[in-house]
Amino acid sequence: MITVKPFIFNIFKENTYLLFDQTKEAVLVDCGCMMPYEEKNLSGFIDEQQLTLKRLFCTHYHFDHVIGNAYIFHKYGIRPELHREEKTANTPTLSMQALRYGRIANVDEIEPARYINDNEELYFGNSVLKALLIPGHSPASLAFYSKDSQFVLSGDTLFPGSIGRTDLFGGSYNKLITAIQSRLMTLPDNTIVYSGHGPTTTIGHEKATNPYL
């Protein structure tokens, strides 16, 4: 079984998730730590639990979800993994994205270690996650699903009672709704949804109550 440890980071209250199993191997999803005390909290937990960080996954390439990638690279030597269409020649730099929100920052961009494909199985320890392509909030957002542990990390595609915004680069309302319906709403109702911001929900609850669906 996979243990999910959430952290709330940066001014956007972004959810970073550290996943690990009984082997003590771990992966990090959407590293948004921005301040030194946030970096200390994250690394302190990894050290306290005696975890070995193996991989860094990104649901999408918005700066509030990847601003901590540089810290992870410099601290652990691990580069991020994401879908190829998330970071192209047309993708605004992280510094340009920050300026949209009035944040003036020279953000260190770390080149990916590799690209993740739709439906790819991603391994660590004795565990596996399945990558699900959910475009619409961004060009090629990914969700990460654990069938055995009955959860999905939805990034900014699905929230309790809501969905991701579609007015940013590469966004499309129609694509997002279609992808949520075909890729997320087809998961078992008891699947826990760990969103990119805010509290958890379940697939069944969103089926029954989400006004967008």
N, C-alpha and C. Protein backbone atom coordinates (compact mmCIF):
# COMPACT_ATOMS: atom_id res chain seq x y z
N MET A 1 0.84 -1.20 0.00
CA MET A 1 0.00 0.00 0.00
C MET A 1 0.88 1.26 0.00
N ILE A 2 0.40 2.26 -0.69
CA ILE A 2 1.13 3.52 -0.78
C ILE A 2 0.63 4.48 0.30
N THR A 3 1.57 5.07 1.01
CA THR A 3 1.26 6.15 1.95
C THR A 3 1.35 7.47 1.20
N VAL A 4 0.35 8.32 1.38
CA VAL A 4 0.31 9.64 0.74
C VAL A 4 0.50 10.70 1.81
N LYS A 5 1.59 11.44 1.72
CA LYS A 5 1.86 12.53 2.66
C LYS A 5 1.72 13.86 1.92
N PRO A 6 0.69 14.65 2.25
CA PRO A 6 0.52 15.94 1.58
C PRO A 6 1.28 17.07 2.29
N PHE A 7 1.73 18.02 1.52
CA PHE A 7 2.31 19.26 2.03
C PHE A 7 1.59 20.40 1.32
N ILE A 8 1.34 21.49 2.03
CA ILE A 8 0.74 22.68 1.42
C ILE A 8 1.83 23.73 1.31
N PHE A 9 2.14 24.14 0.08
CA PHE A 9 3.28 25.01 -0.16
C PHE A 9 2.88 26.26 -0.93
N ASN A 10 3.67 27.27 -0.79
CA ASN A 10 3.68 28.56 -1.51
C ASN A 10 2.40 29.37 -1.32
N ILE A 11 2.39 30.56 -1.92
CA ILE A 11 1.29 31.51 -1.70
C ILE A 11 -0.02 31.04 -2.31
N PHE A 12 0.04 30.02 -3.18
CA PHE A 12 -1.17 29.53 -3.83
C PHE A 12 -1.75 28.30 -3.12
N LYS A 13 -1.17 27.97 -1.95
CA LYS A 13 -1.65 26.82 -1.17
C LYS A 13 -1.71 25.56 -2.04
N GLU A 14 -0.62 25.34 -2.74
CA GLU A 14 -0.52 24.20 -3.65
C GLU A 14 -0.24 22.93 -2.87
N ASN A 15 -0.86 21.84 -3.29
CA ASN A 15 -0.64 20.55 -2.65
C ASN A 15 0.48 19.78 -3.33
N THR A 16 1.53 19.55 -2.58
CA THR A 16 2.63 18.67 -3.00
C THR A 16 2.42 17.33 -2.30
N TYR A 17 2.62 16.24 -3.04
CA TYR A 17 2.39 14.92 -2.46
C TYR A 17 3.66 14.08 -2.50
N LEU A 18 4.01 13.53 -1.34
CA LEU A 18 5.11 12.58 -1.23
C LEU A 18 4.49 11.20 -1.05
N LEU A 19 4.83 10.28 -1.94
CA LEU A 19 4.28 8.92 -1.91
C LEU A 19 5.40 7.94 -1.58
N PHE A 20 5.12 6.98 -0.69
CA PHE A 20 6.11 5.97 -0.36
C PHE A 20 5.42 4.69 0.10
N ASP A 21 6.15 3.58 0.02
CA ASP A 21 5.59 2.32 0.47
C ASP A 21 6.54 1.67 1.47
N GLN A 22 6.31 0.40 1.77
CA GLN A 22 7.06 -0.27 2.83
C GLN A 22 8.53 -0.44 2.50
N THR A 23 8.91 -0.29 1.25
CA THR A 23 10.32 -0.39 0.88
C THR A 23 11.10 0.87 1.24
N LYS A 24 10.39 1.94 1.59
CA LYS A 24 10.97 3.25 1.90
C LYS A 24 11.41 4.01 0.65
N GLU A 25 11.12 3.46 -0.53
CA GLU A 25 11.32 4.25 -1.75
C GLU A 25 10.16 5.22 -1.91
N ALA A 26 10.46 6.42 -2.41
CA ALA A 26 9.46 7.47 -2.48
C ALA A 26 9.51 8.20 -3.81
N VAL A 27 8.38 8.78 -4.18
CA VAL A 27 8.31 9.68 -5.32
C VAL A 27 7.60 10.95 -4.87
N LEU A 28 7.91 12.03 -5.51
CA LEU A 28 7.32 13.33 -5.20
C LEU A 28 6.50 13.77 -6.40
N VAL A 29 5.30 14.30 -6.13
CA VAL A 29 4.42 14.76 -7.20
C VAL A 29 4.12 16.24 -6.98
N ASP A 30 4.45 17.06 -7.98
CA ASP A 30 4.16 18.50 -7.98
C ASP A 30 4.85 19.22 -6.83
N CYS A 31 6.15 19.37 -6.95
CA CYS A 31 6.92 20.00 -5.88
C CYS A 31 6.80 21.52 -5.96
N GLY A 32 6.00 22.09 -5.06
CA GLY A 32 5.74 23.52 -5.07
C GLY A 32 6.42 24.30 -3.97
N CYS A 33 7.39 23.70 -3.28
CA CYS A 33 8.03 24.44 -2.18
C CYS A 33 8.79 25.64 -2.74
N MET A 34 8.59 26.77 -2.07
CA MET A 34 9.15 28.03 -2.56
C MET A 34 10.08 28.68 -1.54
N MET A 35 9.74 28.58 -0.27
CA MET A 35 10.50 29.23 0.79
C MET A 35 11.43 28.24 1.47
N PRO A 36 12.53 28.73 2.05
CA PRO A 36 13.47 27.83 2.72
C PRO A 36 12.83 26.96 3.79
N TYR A 37 11.88 27.50 4.55
CA TYR A 37 11.26 26.69 5.60
C TYR A 37 10.40 25.58 4.99
N GLU A 38 9.85 25.81 3.79
CA GLU A 38 9.09 24.76 3.12
C GLU A 38 10.03 23.64 2.65
N GLU A 39 11.15 24.03 2.09
CA GLU A 39 12.15 23.05 1.68
C GLU A 39 12.63 22.23 2.88
N LYS A 40 12.83 22.91 4.01
CA LYS A 40 13.28 22.23 5.23
C LYS A 40 12.23 21.24 5.72
N ASN A 41 10.95 21.62 5.67
CA ASN A 41 9.88 20.73 6.11
C ASN A 41 9.83 19.46 5.25
N LEU A 42 9.98 19.65 3.94
CA LEU A 42 9.93 18.52 3.03
C LEU A 42 11.11 17.57 3.26
N SER A 43 12.31 18.10 3.23
CA SER A 43 13.49 17.26 3.41
C SER A 43 13.56 16.67 4.81
N GLY A 44 13.08 17.44 5.79
CA GLY A 44 13.07 16.93 7.16
C GLY A 44 12.20 15.70 7.29
N PHE A 45 11.05 15.70 6.63
CA PHE A 45 10.17 14.54 6.69
C PHE A 45 10.81 13.34 5.98
N ILE A 46 11.42 13.60 4.82
CA ILE A 46 12.10 12.52 4.09
C ILE A 46 13.18 11.89 4.96
N ASP A 47 13.96 12.72 5.65
CA ASP A 47 15.03 12.22 6.53
C ASP A 47 14.44 11.48 7.73
N GLU A 48 13.42 12.05 8.33
CA GLU A 48 12.81 11.47 9.53
C GLU A 48 12.26 10.08 9.25
N GLN A 49 11.65 9.91 8.07
CA GLN A 49 11.06 8.63 7.70
C GLN A 49 12.08 7.70 7.03
N GLN A 50 13.30 8.18 6.87
CA GLN A 50 14.39 7.40 6.25
C GLN A 50 13.99 6.91 4.85
N LEU A 51 13.44 7.85 4.08
CA LEU A 51 12.99 7.54 2.73
C LEU A 51 14.11 7.78 1.72
N THR A 52 14.04 7.05 0.61
CA THR A 52 14.93 7.28 -0.52
C THR A 52 14.09 7.84 -1.66
N LEU A 53 14.31 9.10 -1.98
CA LEU A 53 13.54 9.74 -3.05
C LEU A 53 14.08 9.27 -4.39
N LYS A 54 13.19 8.70 -5.22
CA LYS A 54 13.62 8.10 -6.48
C LYS A 54 13.22 8.90 -7.72
N ARG A 55 12.02 9.52 -7.69
CA ARG A 55 11.52 10.17 -8.91
C ARG A 55 10.71 11.41 -8.54
N LEU A 56 10.58 12.30 -9.50
CA LEU A 56 9.81 13.54 -9.35
C LEU A 56 8.86 13.66 -10.53
N PHE A 57 7.56 13.57 -10.26
CA PHE A 57 6.53 13.63 -11.30
C PHE A 57 5.82 14.98 -11.26
N CYS A 58 5.40 15.45 -12.42
CA CYS A 58 4.66 16.70 -12.53
C CYS A 58 3.32 16.44 -13.22
N THR A 59 2.23 16.84 -12.59
CA THR A 59 0.94 16.73 -13.26
C THR A 59 0.85 17.71 -14.42
N HIS A 60 1.46 18.90 -14.25
CA HIS A 60 1.45 19.90 -15.31
C HIS A 60 2.53 20.95 -15.03
N TYR A 61 2.77 21.84 -15.98
CA TYR A 61 3.90 22.77 -15.90
C TYR A 61 3.44 24.19 -15.60
N HIS A 62 2.68 24.36 -14.53
CA HIS A 62 2.37 25.68 -14.00
C HIS A 62 3.29 25.96 -12.83
N PHE A 63 3.77 27.21 -12.73
CA PHE A 63 4.89 27.47 -11.84
C PHE A 63 4.62 27.16 -10.38
N ASP A 64 3.36 27.27 -9.94
CA ASP A 64 3.08 26.98 -8.53
C ASP A 64 3.21 25.50 -8.21
N HIS A 65 3.23 24.66 -9.24
CA HIS A 65 3.37 23.21 -9.04
C HIS A 65 4.78 22.70 -9.31
N VAL A 66 5.63 23.50 -9.90
CA VAL A 66 6.96 23.02 -10.27
C VAL A 66 8.09 23.92 -9.77
N ILE A 67 7.76 24.96 -9.03
CA ILE A 67 8.80 25.90 -8.61
C ILE A 67 9.82 25.25 -7.69
N GLY A 68 9.45 24.14 -7.05
CA GLY A 68 10.39 23.43 -6.19
C GLY A 68 11.26 22.41 -6.91
N ASN A 69 11.08 22.27 -8.21
CA ASN A 69 11.88 21.30 -8.96
C ASN A 69 13.38 21.58 -8.85
N ALA A 70 13.73 22.85 -8.85
CA ALA A 70 15.15 23.21 -8.77
C ALA A 70 15.75 22.76 -7.45
N TYR A 71 14.99 22.92 -6.36
CA TYR A 71 15.47 22.48 -5.06
C TYR A 71 15.71 20.97 -5.06
N ILE A 72 14.76 20.22 -5.60
CA ILE A 72 14.89 18.77 -5.62
C ILE A 72 16.09 18.34 -6.46
N PHE A 73 16.31 19.02 -7.58
CA PHE A 73 17.45 18.69 -8.42
C PHE A 73 18.77 18.95 -7.69
N HIS A 74 18.87 20.13 -7.07
CA HIS A 74 20.13 20.49 -6.42
C HIS A 74 20.35 19.69 -5.14
N LYS A 75 19.29 19.31 -4.47
CA LYS A 75 19.40 18.56 -3.21
C LYS A 75 19.59 17.08 -3.44
N TYR A 76 18.82 16.50 -4.40
CA TYR A 76 18.81 15.05 -4.58
C TYR A 76 19.31 14.57 -5.95
N GLY A 77 19.56 15.52 -6.85
CA GLY A 77 20.04 15.15 -8.18
C GLY A 77 18.96 14.53 -9.06
N ILE A 78 17.70 14.79 -8.76
CA ILE A 78 16.59 14.19 -9.49
C ILE A 78 15.93 15.23 -10.38
N ARG A 79 15.76 14.90 -11.65
CA ARG A 79 15.09 15.77 -12.60
C ARG A 79 13.62 15.39 -12.72
N PRO A 80 12.77 16.34 -13.11
CA PRO A 80 11.33 16.04 -13.20
C PRO A 80 10.97 15.18 -14.40
N GLU A 81 9.80 14.56 -14.31
CA GLU A 81 9.20 13.80 -15.41
C GLU A 81 7.80 14.34 -15.62
N LEU A 82 7.42 14.57 -16.88
CA LEU A 82 6.12 15.13 -17.23
C LEU A 82 5.79 14.75 -18.67
N HIS A 83 4.59 15.11 -19.11
CA HIS A 83 4.21 14.83 -20.50
C HIS A 83 4.95 15.79 -21.44
N ARG A 84 5.33 15.28 -22.59
CA ARG A 84 6.12 16.06 -23.55
C ARG A 84 5.44 17.36 -23.95
N GLU A 85 4.10 17.36 -24.12
CA GLU A 85 3.40 18.54 -24.61
C GLU A 85 3.24 19.63 -23.55
N GLU A 86 3.64 19.35 -22.31
CA GLU A 86 3.56 20.37 -21.26
C GLU A 86 4.67 21.40 -21.36
N LYS A 87 5.79 21.01 -21.90
CA LYS A 87 6.94 21.92 -21.96
C LYS A 87 7.49 21.91 -23.38
N THR A 88 7.01 22.87 -24.18
CA THR A 88 7.43 22.99 -25.56
C THR A 88 7.98 24.39 -25.79
N ALA A 89 8.33 24.68 -27.05
CA ALA A 89 8.85 26.01 -27.38
C ALA A 89 7.81 27.10 -27.13
N ASN A 90 6.53 26.73 -27.12
CA ASN A 90 5.47 27.72 -26.91
C ASN A 90 5.06 27.89 -25.45
N THR A 91 5.63 27.09 -24.57
CA THR A 91 5.27 27.16 -23.16
C THR A 91 5.91 28.39 -22.51
N PRO A 92 5.15 29.24 -21.85
CA PRO A 92 5.76 30.37 -21.16
C PRO A 92 6.76 29.89 -20.11
N THR A 93 7.86 30.61 -19.97
CA THR A 93 8.82 30.24 -18.94
C THR A 93 8.18 30.40 -17.57
N LEU A 94 8.78 29.80 -16.57
CA LEU A 94 8.24 29.91 -15.22
C LEU A 94 8.28 31.35 -14.73
N SER A 95 9.31 32.09 -15.12
CA SER A 95 9.39 33.50 -14.73
C SER A 95 8.27 34.30 -15.38
N MET A 96 7.95 34.02 -16.63
CA MET A 96 6.84 34.69 -17.31
C MET A 96 5.51 34.34 -16.65
N GLN A 97 5.35 33.09 -16.26
CA GLN A 97 4.13 32.69 -15.57
C GLN A 97 4.00 33.41 -14.24
N ALA A 98 5.10 33.54 -13.53
CA ALA A 98 5.07 34.22 -12.23
C ALA A 98 4.65 35.68 -12.38
N LEU A 99 5.11 36.32 -13.44
CA LEU A 99 4.77 37.73 -13.66
C LEU A 99 3.26 37.93 -13.84
N ARG A 100 2.58 36.92 -14.35
CA ARG A 100 1.12 37.01 -14.52
C ARG A 100 0.43 37.28 -13.19
N TYR A 101 1.04 36.80 -12.12
CA TYR A 101 0.45 36.96 -10.79
C TYR A 101 1.18 38.03 -9.98
N GLY A 102 1.94 38.87 -10.68
CA GLY A 102 2.63 39.95 -10.00
C GLY A 102 3.83 39.50 -9.20
N ARG A 103 4.31 38.31 -9.48
CA ARG A 103 5.48 37.79 -8.78
C ARG A 103 6.70 37.96 -9.67
N ILE A 104 7.63 38.78 -9.28
CA ILE A 104 8.83 38.99 -10.05
C ILE A 104 9.89 38.02 -9.54
N ALA A 105 10.21 37.05 -10.35
CA ALA A 105 11.16 36.03 -9.92
C ALA A 105 11.90 35.47 -11.11
N ASN A 106 13.17 35.17 -10.90
CA ASN A 106 13.96 34.48 -11.91
C ASN A 106 13.99 33.02 -11.51
N VAL A 107 13.08 32.26 -12.05
CA VAL A 107 12.89 30.88 -11.62
C VAL A 107 13.81 29.95 -12.39
N ASP A 108 14.53 29.12 -11.67
CA ASP A 108 15.46 28.16 -12.26
C ASP A 108 14.66 27.00 -12.86
N GLU A 109 14.75 26.83 -14.18
CA GLU A 109 14.01 25.77 -14.86
C GLU A 109 14.91 24.55 -15.05
N ILE A 110 14.44 23.41 -14.57
CA ILE A 110 15.20 22.17 -14.66
C ILE A 110 14.66 21.33 -15.82
N GLU A 111 15.53 20.95 -16.71
CA GLU A 111 15.12 20.14 -17.86
C GLU A 111 14.65 18.76 -17.40
N PRO A 112 13.63 18.23 -18.05
CA PRO A 112 13.10 16.92 -17.64
C PRO A 112 14.12 15.79 -17.81
N ALA A 113 13.99 14.80 -16.95
CA ALA A 113 14.78 13.58 -17.11
C ALA A 113 14.25 12.76 -18.26
N ARG A 114 12.93 12.75 -18.43
CA ARG A 114 12.26 11.99 -19.47
C ARG A 114 10.82 12.47 -19.55
N TYR A 115 10.11 11.98 -20.56
CA TYR A 115 8.71 12.34 -20.73
C TYR A 115 7.82 11.13 -20.45
N ILE A 116 6.67 11.41 -19.85
CA ILE A 116 5.71 10.37 -19.47
C ILE A 116 4.64 10.27 -20.55
N ASN A 117 4.30 9.06 -20.93
CA ASN A 117 3.26 8.82 -21.93
C ASN A 117 1.92 8.50 -21.26
N ASP A 118 0.85 8.79 -21.97
CA ASP A 118 -0.48 8.41 -21.51
C ASP A 118 -0.55 6.89 -21.30
N ASN A 119 -1.16 6.49 -20.19
CA ASN A 119 -1.33 5.07 -19.81
C ASN A 119 -0.03 4.39 -19.40
N GLU A 120 1.05 5.13 -19.28
CA GLU A 120 2.31 4.53 -18.85
C GLU A 120 2.24 4.14 -17.37
N GLU A 121 2.85 3.02 -17.03
CA GLU A 121 2.95 2.59 -15.65
C GLU A 121 4.29 3.05 -15.09
N LEU A 122 4.23 3.69 -13.92
CA LEU A 122 5.39 4.31 -13.30
C LEU A 122 5.67 3.59 -11.98
N TYR A 123 6.88 3.07 -11.84
CA TYR A 123 7.19 2.19 -10.73
C TYR A 123 8.11 2.85 -9.70
N PHE A 124 7.90 2.50 -8.45
CA PHE A 124 8.84 2.79 -7.37
C PHE A 124 8.57 1.78 -6.26
N GLY A 125 9.63 1.32 -5.60
CA GLY A 125 9.46 0.31 -4.58
C GLY A 125 8.68 -0.88 -5.10
N ASN A 126 7.64 -1.27 -4.34
CA ASN A 126 6.74 -2.33 -4.78
C ASN A 126 5.45 -1.78 -5.37
N SER A 127 5.46 -0.52 -5.76
CA SER A 127 4.23 0.18 -6.13
C SER A 127 4.26 0.63 -7.59
N VAL A 128 3.07 0.91 -8.09
CA VAL A 128 2.93 1.37 -9.47
C VAL A 128 1.84 2.43 -9.53
N LEU A 129 2.07 3.46 -10.32
CA LEU A 129 1.07 4.47 -10.65
C LEU A 129 0.82 4.42 -12.15
N LYS A 130 -0.41 4.67 -12.55
CA LYS A 130 -0.73 4.76 -13.97
C LYS A 130 -0.97 6.21 -14.35
N ALA A 131 -0.32 6.66 -15.41
CA ALA A 131 -0.47 8.04 -15.87
C ALA A 131 -1.70 8.14 -16.78
N LEU A 132 -2.57 9.11 -16.47
CA LEU A 132 -3.78 9.34 -17.26
C LEU A 132 -3.72 10.75 -17.85
N LEU A 133 -3.81 10.87 -19.15
CA LEU A 133 -3.75 12.17 -19.81
C LEU A 133 -5.10 12.88 -19.66
N ILE A 134 -5.08 14.09 -19.06
CA ILE A 134 -6.29 14.89 -18.83
C ILE A 134 -6.05 16.31 -19.34
N PRO A 135 -6.07 16.54 -20.65
CA PRO A 135 -5.83 17.89 -21.16
C PRO A 135 -7.00 18.81 -20.89
N GLY A 136 -6.73 20.12 -20.91
CA GLY A 136 -7.80 21.10 -20.78
C GLY A 136 -7.47 22.21 -19.81
N HIS A 137 -6.95 21.87 -18.64
CA HIS A 137 -6.44 22.90 -17.74
C HIS A 137 -5.11 23.42 -18.28
N SER A 138 -4.36 22.51 -18.83
CA SER A 138 -3.09 22.81 -19.50
C SER A 138 -3.02 21.89 -20.72
N PRO A 139 -2.01 22.04 -21.57
CA PRO A 139 -2.01 21.26 -22.81
C PRO A 139 -2.05 19.75 -22.61
N ALA A 140 -1.37 19.26 -21.58
CA ALA A 140 -1.27 17.80 -21.43
C ALA A 140 -1.11 17.43 -19.95
N SER A 141 -2.04 17.88 -19.13
CA SER A 141 -2.00 17.51 -17.72
C SER A 141 -2.09 16.01 -17.55
N LEU A 142 -1.43 15.51 -16.52
CA LEU A 142 -1.50 14.10 -16.17
C LEU A 142 -2.12 13.93 -14.79
N ALA A 143 -2.88 12.86 -14.63
CA ALA A 143 -3.29 12.39 -13.31
C ALA A 143 -2.55 11.09 -13.06
N PHE A 144 -2.32 10.77 -11.80
CA PHE A 144 -1.59 9.56 -11.44
C PHE A 144 -2.48 8.69 -10.56
N TYR A 145 -2.78 7.49 -11.05
CA TYR A 145 -3.77 6.61 -10.43
C TYR A 145 -3.14 5.36 -9.83
N SER A 146 -3.50 5.07 -8.59
CA SER A 146 -3.10 3.82 -7.95
C SER A 146 -4.33 2.95 -7.77
N LYS A 147 -4.41 1.88 -8.54
CA LYS A 147 -5.53 0.95 -8.43
C LYS A 147 -5.49 0.23 -7.09
N ASP A 148 -4.31 -0.22 -6.68
CA ASP A 148 -4.18 -0.99 -5.45
C ASP A 148 -4.50 -0.16 -4.20
N SER A 149 -4.03 1.09 -4.19
CA SER A 149 -4.26 1.96 -3.02
C SER A 149 -5.50 2.83 -3.17
N GLN A 150 -6.17 2.75 -4.30
CA GLN A 150 -7.48 3.37 -4.53
C GLN A 150 -7.46 4.90 -4.37
N PHE A 151 -6.53 5.51 -5.09
CA PHE A 151 -6.51 6.97 -5.12
C PHE A 151 -6.03 7.45 -6.47
N VAL A 152 -6.33 8.72 -6.76
CA VAL A 152 -5.81 9.37 -7.95
C VAL A 152 -5.36 10.77 -7.58
N LEU A 153 -4.19 11.17 -8.07
CA LEU A 153 -3.69 12.54 -7.93
C LEU A 153 -4.13 13.29 -9.17
N SER A 154 -5.06 14.22 -9.02
CA SER A 154 -5.71 14.83 -10.19
C SER A 154 -5.06 16.13 -10.64
N GLY A 155 -4.04 16.61 -9.93
CA GLY A 155 -3.47 17.91 -10.29
C GLY A 155 -4.55 18.98 -10.22
N ASP A 156 -4.56 19.88 -11.20
CA ASP A 156 -5.56 20.96 -11.23
C ASP A 156 -6.69 20.66 -12.20
N THR A 157 -6.99 19.39 -12.44
CA THR A 157 -8.09 19.06 -13.36
C THR A 157 -9.42 18.94 -12.63
N LEU A 158 -9.43 18.32 -11.46
CA LEU A 158 -10.67 18.06 -10.73
C LEU A 158 -10.50 18.45 -9.28
N PHE A 159 -11.46 19.22 -8.76
CA PHE A 159 -11.48 19.65 -7.36
C PHE A 159 -12.81 19.27 -6.74
N PRO A 160 -12.91 19.29 -5.41
CA PRO A 160 -14.21 19.07 -4.78
C PRO A 160 -15.22 20.11 -5.24
N GLY A 161 -16.23 19.69 -5.98
CA GLY A 161 -17.27 20.59 -6.45
C GLY A 161 -16.88 21.51 -7.58
N SER A 162 -15.72 21.27 -8.19
CA SER A 162 -15.26 22.18 -9.23
C SER A 162 -14.30 21.46 -10.18
N ILE A 163 -13.81 22.22 -11.16
CA ILE A 163 -12.82 21.72 -12.11
C ILE A 163 -11.74 22.78 -12.26
N GLY A 164 -10.68 22.44 -12.98
CA GLY A 164 -9.60 23.39 -13.19
C GLY A 164 -9.99 24.52 -14.13
N ARG A 165 -9.36 25.67 -13.95
CA ARG A 165 -9.62 26.79 -14.86
C ARG A 165 -9.06 26.47 -16.24
N THR A 166 -9.64 27.07 -17.25
CA THR A 166 -9.26 26.75 -18.63
C THR A 166 -8.84 27.99 -19.43
N ASP A 167 -8.55 29.09 -18.73
CA ASP A 167 -8.20 30.34 -19.41
C ASP A 167 -6.70 30.59 -19.47
N LEU A 168 -5.90 29.62 -19.06
CA LEU A 168 -4.45 29.76 -19.13
C LEU A 168 -3.94 29.11 -20.42
N PHE A 169 -2.63 29.23 -20.69
CA PHE A 169 -2.08 28.74 -21.96
C PHE A 169 -2.40 27.25 -22.14
N GLY A 170 -2.88 26.93 -23.33
CA GLY A 170 -3.19 25.54 -23.64
C GLY A 170 -4.48 25.03 -23.04
N GLY A 171 -5.29 25.92 -22.45
CA GLY A 171 -6.52 25.49 -21.80
C GLY A 171 -7.67 25.30 -22.79
N SER A 172 -8.59 24.41 -22.44
CA SER A 172 -9.78 24.17 -23.25
C SER A 172 -10.85 23.56 -22.36
N TYR A 173 -11.96 24.27 -22.20
CA TYR A 173 -13.05 23.77 -21.37
C TYR A 173 -13.59 22.45 -21.91
N ASN A 174 -13.84 22.37 -23.19
CA ASN A 174 -14.42 21.17 -23.78
C ASN A 174 -13.49 19.96 -23.62
N LYS A 175 -12.21 20.18 -23.85
CA LYS A 175 -11.25 19.09 -23.68
C LYS A 175 -11.20 18.62 -22.23
N LEU A 176 -11.25 19.57 -21.30
CA LEU A 176 -11.16 19.21 -19.90
C LEU A 176 -12.37 18.39 -19.45
N ILE A 177 -13.57 18.85 -19.80
CA ILE A 177 -14.78 18.13 -19.41
C ILE A 177 -14.78 16.72 -20.02
N THR A 178 -14.43 16.63 -21.30
CA THR A 178 -14.40 15.33 -21.96
C THR A 178 -13.41 14.38 -21.29
N ALA A 179 -12.22 14.90 -20.97
CA ALA A 179 -11.19 14.06 -20.36
C ALA A 179 -11.57 13.63 -18.95
N ILE A 180 -12.14 14.54 -18.17
CA ILE A 180 -12.58 14.18 -16.82
C ILE A 180 -13.63 13.09 -16.88
N GLN A 181 -14.58 13.25 -17.77
CA GLN A 181 -15.66 12.27 -17.89
C GLN A 181 -15.13 10.90 -18.33
N SER A 182 -14.21 10.89 -19.28
CA SER A 182 -13.76 9.62 -19.86
C SER A 182 -12.62 8.97 -19.08
N ARG A 183 -11.80 9.75 -18.37
CA ARG A 183 -10.62 9.19 -17.70
C ARG A 183 -10.75 9.13 -16.19
N LEU A 184 -11.45 10.10 -15.58
CA LEU A 184 -11.56 10.11 -14.12
C LEU A 184 -12.89 9.55 -13.63
N MET A 185 -13.99 9.96 -14.26
CA MET A 185 -15.30 9.50 -13.80
C MET A 185 -15.54 8.02 -14.07
N THR A 186 -14.66 7.38 -14.81
CA THR A 186 -14.76 5.95 -15.05
C THR A 186 -14.00 5.14 -14.00
N LEU A 187 -13.31 5.80 -13.09
CA LEU A 187 -12.64 5.11 -11.99
C LEU A 187 -13.68 4.68 -10.95
N PRO A 188 -13.35 3.72 -10.09
CA PRO A 188 -14.30 3.29 -9.06
C PRO A 188 -14.74 4.45 -8.17
N ASP A 189 -16.00 4.40 -7.72
CA ASP A 189 -16.56 5.49 -6.93
C ASP A 189 -15.80 5.74 -5.64
N ASN A 190 -15.18 4.71 -5.06
CA ASN A 190 -14.49 4.89 -3.79
C ASN A 190 -13.06 5.42 -3.95
N THR A 191 -12.66 5.74 -5.17
CA THR A 191 -11.32 6.28 -5.41
C THR A 191 -11.19 7.66 -4.77
N ILE A 192 -10.19 7.80 -3.90
CA ILE A 192 -9.91 9.10 -3.28
C ILE A 192 -9.24 10.01 -4.29
N VAL A 193 -9.68 11.26 -4.36
CA VAL A 193 -9.11 12.25 -5.27
C VAL A 193 -8.26 13.22 -4.46
N TYR A 194 -6.96 13.23 -4.72
CA TYR A 194 -6.05 14.20 -4.14
C TYR A 194 -5.81 15.29 -5.18
N SER A 195 -6.39 16.46 -4.94
CA SER A 195 -6.33 17.55 -5.91
C SER A 195 -5.09 18.41 -5.72
N GLY A 196 -4.84 19.27 -6.70
CA GLY A 196 -3.69 20.15 -6.66
C GLY A 196 -3.80 21.28 -5.66
N HIS A 197 -5.02 21.57 -5.22
CA HIS A 197 -5.28 22.58 -4.19
C HIS A 197 -6.50 22.11 -3.40
N GLY A 198 -6.53 22.41 -2.13
CA GLY A 198 -7.72 22.12 -1.35
C GLY A 198 -7.80 20.70 -0.83
N PRO A 199 -8.96 20.33 -0.26
CA PRO A 199 -9.11 19.03 0.40
C PRO A 199 -9.35 17.89 -0.57
N THR A 200 -9.41 16.68 -0.03
CA THR A 200 -9.68 15.51 -0.83
C THR A 200 -11.18 15.36 -1.09
N THR A 201 -11.49 14.51 -2.05
CA THR A 201 -12.87 14.14 -2.33
C THR A 201 -12.84 12.71 -2.85
N THR A 202 -13.93 12.22 -3.39
CA THR A 202 -13.95 10.90 -4.02
C THR A 202 -14.60 11.00 -5.39
N ILE A 203 -14.31 10.04 -6.24
CA ILE A 203 -14.92 10.02 -7.56
C ILE A 203 -16.44 9.92 -7.43
N GLY A 204 -16.93 9.07 -6.55
CA GLY A 204 -18.37 8.93 -6.38
C GLY A 204 -19.05 10.21 -5.93
N HIS A 205 -18.42 10.93 -5.03
CA HIS A 205 -19.00 12.20 -4.55
C HIS A 205 -19.07 13.21 -5.68
N GLU A 206 -18.02 13.27 -6.49
CA GLU A 206 -18.02 14.23 -7.59
C GLU A 206 -19.04 13.85 -8.67
N LYS A 207 -19.22 12.58 -8.92
CA LYS A 207 -20.24 12.14 -9.85
C LYS A 207 -21.62 12.63 -9.41
N ALA A 208 -21.85 12.56 -8.09
CA ALA A 208 -23.18 12.86 -7.57
C ALA A 208 -23.43 14.35 -7.36
N THR A 209 -22.38 15.15 -7.14
CA THR A 209 -22.59 16.51 -6.68
C THR A 209 -21.89 17.60 -7.49
N ASN A 210 -20.88 17.26 -8.29
CA ASN A 210 -20.12 18.31 -8.98
C ASN A 210 -20.97 18.94 -10.07
N PRO A 211 -21.25 20.24 -9.99
CA PRO A 211 -22.16 20.87 -10.95
C PRO A 211 -21.61 20.92 -12.37
N TYR A 212 -20.30 20.79 -12.54
CA TYR A 212 -19.71 20.81 -13.87
C TYR A 212 -19.82 19.47 -14.59
N LEU A 213 -20.19 18.42 -13.83
CA LEU A 213 -20.17 17.07 -14.39
C LEU A 213 -21.56 16.47 -14.46
